[in-house]
Amino acid sequence: MLHRIAKVSEGERVLIHGASGGVGTALLELGRLAKLRMYGTASAAKQDLVASYGAVPIDYRNEDFVEILRRQEPEGMDVVFDPIGGPNYERSYRTLGPSGRFLCYGYTSILKQGDAEDWRSEWKELMARPTTEEGHPVHLYTITGLKKERLDWFREDVGIVFSLLREGKIRPLVSHRIPLREAAHAQQLLEKSAAIGKVVLISE
């Protein structure tokens, strides 16, 4: 997402929603390597983690990220990564600068809304018109979709990530290691935002 789709450049301003989660911490880690100016939304208890990656933390429960970014970065964000969906998309659009790009993946708001139809209809709409009303490009990302449509890209990207891992340049953050038979517990951790980093299911 960061390089293949968003095509980030050193010094660009990025907003990462869900910054303390598995994908969020991966984006923070790769963003730090790319020398980006990063902002990350997370709960108050996870602010120090976000800051440890060199990002500016925003408490999404008690702070308005749109207003904060308007004050701190009046030129707007170059890229926004949003796994939340629903009303958060519209608010995220408002933070984009003239050359801003919007990347959506996942749709965690469905865990609270409980309405899969909202997710389906919104993604269909974005696929039909992949830009915001202001004309910013919108990219819908799924790793399974990329693997299916561009296997060559997928293989190259995985190779780069594992090279960074071997060289010790990235250290994926694992919150919990849970036996596969307890997958329901893993899902509960995700729904309650109780995990910091990745939740890994282990086959026995």
Protein backbone atom coordinates (compact mmCIF):
# COMPACT_ATOMS: atom_id res chain seq x y z
CA MET A 1 0.00 0.00 0.00
CA LEU A 2 2.66 2.46 1.01
CA HIS A 3 4.94 2.17 -1.99
CA ARG A 4 3.17 0.18 -4.68
CA ILE A 5 -0.18 1.97 -4.48
CA ALA A 6 0.33 5.28 -2.65
CA LYS A 7 3.81 5.79 -4.15
CA VAL A 8 5.00 7.84 -1.21
CA SER A 9 8.04 10.11 -1.34
CA GLU A 10 10.38 11.23 1.42
CA GLY A 11 8.92 14.04 3.49
CA GLU A 12 5.31 13.48 2.50
CA ARG A 13 2.60 13.87 5.12
CA VAL A 14 0.55 10.78 5.89
CA LEU A 15 -2.32 10.00 8.24
CA ILE A 16 -2.63 6.42 9.47
CA HIS A 17 -5.89 5.44 11.16
CA GLY A 18 -5.79 2.54 13.58
CA ALA A 19 -2.08 3.21 13.97
CA SER A 20 -1.58 0.84 16.91
CA GLY A 21 -3.01 -2.20 15.12
CA GLY A 22 -1.26 -4.82 13.04
CA VAL A 23 -1.39 -3.01 9.70
CA GLY A 24 -1.07 0.36 11.39
CA THR A 25 2.22 -0.48 13.11
CA ALA A 26 3.51 -1.98 9.85
CA LEU A 27 2.72 1.26 8.03
CA LEU A 28 4.40 3.25 10.81
CA GLU A 29 7.51 1.10 10.64
CA LEU A 30 7.77 1.25 6.85
CA GLY A 31 6.86 4.94 6.90
CA ARG A 32 9.71 5.66 9.26
CA LEU A 33 12.11 3.93 6.87
CA ALA A 34 10.70 6.05 4.04
CA LYS A 35 11.23 9.23 6.13
CA LEU A 36 7.60 10.31 6.04
CA ARG A 37 5.90 12.87 8.30
CA MET A 38 3.40 10.66 10.05
CA TYR A 39 0.27 11.15 12.12
CA GLY A 40 -1.53 8.20 13.67
CA THR A 41 -4.90 7.87 15.37
CA ALA A 42 -5.09 5.59 18.39
CA SER A 43 -6.62 5.52 21.85
CA ALA A 44 -4.95 7.45 24.66
CA ALA A 45 -3.43 4.29 26.14
CA LYS A 46 -1.59 3.60 22.88
CA GLN A 47 -0.21 7.08 22.23
CA ASP A 48 3.31 6.25 23.41
CA LEU A 49 3.50 3.31 21.01
CA VAL A 50 2.54 5.49 18.05
CA ALA A 51 5.06 8.15 19.09
CA SER A 52 7.82 5.51 19.38
CA TYR A 53 7.68 5.11 15.59
CA GLY A 54 8.26 8.83 15.08
CA ALA A 55 4.61 9.66 14.41
CA VAL A 56 2.43 12.32 16.02
CA PRO A 57 -0.34 10.50 17.93
CA ILE A 58 -3.95 11.69 17.85
CA ASP A 59 -6.44 10.41 20.41
CA TYR A 60 -9.41 9.58 18.18
CA ARG A 61 -11.75 9.25 21.17
CA ASN A 62 -11.12 12.71 22.63
CA GLU A 63 -9.63 14.74 19.78
CA ASP A 64 -10.89 15.77 16.34
CA PHE A 65 -8.22 14.63 13.89
CA VAL A 66 -9.63 16.88 11.16
CA GLU A 67 -9.19 20.02 13.27
CA ILE A 68 -5.78 18.97 14.60
CA LEU A 69 -4.40 18.36 11.13
CA ARG A 70 -5.93 21.57 9.82
CA ARG A 71 -3.95 23.48 12.44
CA GLN A 72 -0.71 21.51 12.24
CA GLU A 73 -0.63 20.77 8.52
CA PRO A 74 -2.65 23.47 6.74
CA GLU A 75 -1.45 22.21 3.35
CA GLY A 76 -3.20 18.91 4.01
CA MET A 77 -2.24 15.27 3.97
CA ASP A 78 -0.54 13.67 0.99
CA VAL A 79 -1.87 10.22 1.85
CA VAL A 80 -4.52 8.89 4.23
CA PHE A 81 -4.78 5.19 5.13
CA ASP A 82 -8.24 4.37 6.46
CA PRO A 83 -9.29 0.86 7.57
CA ILE A 84 -12.33 2.13 9.44
CA GLY A 85 -14.91 3.04 6.82
CA GLY A 86 -18.34 4.53 7.26
CA PRO A 87 -18.43 8.22 8.32
CA ASN A 88 -14.68 8.14 8.92
CA TYR A 89 -14.09 8.13 5.15
CA GLU A 90 -15.81 11.50 4.68
CA ARG A 91 -13.90 13.06 7.56
CA SER A 92 -10.63 11.65 6.23
CA TYR A 93 -11.30 13.17 2.80
CA ARG A 94 -11.38 16.59 4.43
CA THR A 95 -7.75 16.26 5.52
CA LEU A 96 -6.37 15.69 2.02
CA GLY A 97 -4.15 18.29 0.37
CA PRO A 98 -4.06 19.19 -3.35
CA SER A 99 -2.06 16.08 -4.29
CA GLY A 100 -3.71 13.86 -1.67
CA ARG A 101 -4.44 10.17 -2.18
CA PHE A 102 -6.86 8.09 -0.15
CA LEU A 103 -6.36 4.38 0.54
CA CYS A 104 -9.04 2.29 2.16
CA TYR A 105 -8.66 -1.28 3.31
CA GLY A 106 -10.67 -3.36 5.73
CA TYR A 107 -13.79 -1.84 7.26
CA THR A 108 -13.61 -2.10 11.03
CA SER A 109 -16.63 0.12 11.61
CA ILE A 110 -18.75 -2.87 10.59
CA LEU A 111 -17.79 -4.51 13.89
CA LYS A 112 -19.79 -1.84 15.70
CA GLN A 113 -22.48 -1.24 13.11
CA GLY A 114 -23.08 -4.92 12.44
CA ASP A 115 -24.39 -4.15 8.96
CA ALA A 116 -22.45 -5.85 6.19
CA GLU A 117 -24.68 -4.21 3.59
CA ASP A 118 -23.22 -0.78 4.44
CA TRP A 119 -19.77 -2.11 3.63
CA ARG A 120 -20.84 -3.72 0.37
CA SER A 121 -22.70 -0.68 -0.92
CA GLU A 122 -19.93 1.77 -0.01
CA TRP A 123 -17.21 -0.31 -1.65
CA LYS A 124 -19.33 -0.75 -4.79
CA GLU A 125 -19.77 3.01 -4.96
CA LEU A 126 -16.03 3.62 -4.57
CA MET A 127 -15.26 1.07 -7.27
CA ALA A 128 -17.67 2.78 -9.63
CA ARG A 129 -16.27 6.27 -8.92
CA PRO A 130 -12.74 5.92 -7.54
CA THR A 131 -12.27 9.59 -6.61
CA THR A 132 -13.50 11.91 -3.90
CA GLU A 133 -15.85 14.79 -4.79
CA GLU A 134 -12.76 16.99 -4.84
CA GLY A 135 -11.09 14.71 -7.38
CA HIS A 136 -8.57 13.00 -5.10
CA PRO A 137 -7.81 9.43 -6.18
CA VAL A 138 -9.28 6.69 -4.02
CA HIS A 139 -7.69 3.23 -3.91
CA LEU A 140 -9.40 0.17 -2.48
CA TYR A 141 -6.79 -2.30 -1.32
CA THR A 142 -6.99 -5.96 -0.42
CA ILE A 143 -3.91 -8.13 -0.31
CA THR A 144 -5.88 -11.10 -1.66
CA GLY A 145 -7.06 -8.96 -4.57
CA LEU A 146 -3.52 -7.85 -5.36
CA LYS A 147 -2.30 -11.45 -5.26
CA LYS A 148 -5.04 -12.50 -7.66
CA GLU A 149 -4.74 -9.60 -10.09
CA ARG A 150 -0.99 -8.92 -10.04
CA LEU A 151 0.85 -11.97 -8.77
CA ASP A 152 4.13 -10.48 -10.03
CA TRP A 153 3.68 -7.42 -7.83
CA PHE A 154 2.68 -9.56 -4.88
CA ARG A 155 5.77 -11.76 -5.15
CA GLU A 156 8.09 -8.77 -5.53
CA ASP A 157 6.56 -6.94 -2.57
CA VAL A 158 6.69 -9.99 -0.29
CA GLY A 159 10.34 -10.49 -1.25
CA ILE A 160 11.17 -6.89 -0.28
CA VAL A 161 9.36 -7.18 3.05
CA PHE A 162 11.17 -10.40 3.95
CA SER A 163 14.49 -8.83 2.98
CA LEU A 164 13.81 -5.98 5.40
CA LEU A 165 12.93 -8.55 8.04
CA ARG A 166 16.15 -10.54 7.51
CA GLU A 167 18.21 -7.36 7.67
CA GLY A 168 16.56 -6.37 10.96
CA LYS A 169 15.16 -3.14 9.51
CA ILE A 170 11.63 -4.07 10.54
CA ARG A 171 10.42 -5.90 13.63
CA PRO A 172 6.72 -6.74 13.34
CA LEU A 173 4.85 -6.12 16.57
CA VAL A 174 2.95 -9.20 17.79
CA SER A 175 0.38 -8.57 20.50
CA HIS A 176 -0.90 -12.12 21.08
CA ARG A 177 -0.12 -15.64 19.94
CA ILE A 178 -3.30 -17.69 20.24
CA PRO A 179 -4.04 -21.35 19.40
CA LEU A 180 -6.27 -21.75 16.36
CA ARG A 181 -8.94 -23.46 18.46
CA GLU A 182 -9.32 -20.15 20.36
CA ALA A 183 -9.91 -18.07 17.24
CA ALA A 184 -13.11 -16.67 18.74
CA HIS A 185 -11.05 -15.09 21.52
CA ALA A 186 -8.75 -13.54 18.93
CA GLN A 187 -11.75 -12.02 17.19
CA GLN A 188 -12.96 -10.57 20.49
CA LEU A 189 -9.58 -8.89 21.04
CA LEU A 190 -9.84 -7.25 17.64
CA GLU A 191 -13.43 -6.12 18.16
CA LYS A 192 -12.54 -4.55 21.51
CA SER A 193 -9.36 -2.91 20.15
CA ALA A 194 -7.49 -4.77 22.88
CA ALA A 195 -4.59 -5.83 20.67
CA ILE A 196 -1.48 -3.75 20.00
CA GLY A 197 0.07 -5.00 16.77
CA LYS A 198 -0.81 -8.33 15.20
CA VAL A 199 -2.81 -11.19 16.67
CA VAL A 200 -1.27 -14.42 15.42
CA LEU A 201 -3.18 -17.71 15.28
CA ILE A 202 -0.96 -20.75 15.87
CA SER A 203 -1.80 -24.19 14.52
CA GLU A 204 -1.13 -27.02 16.97
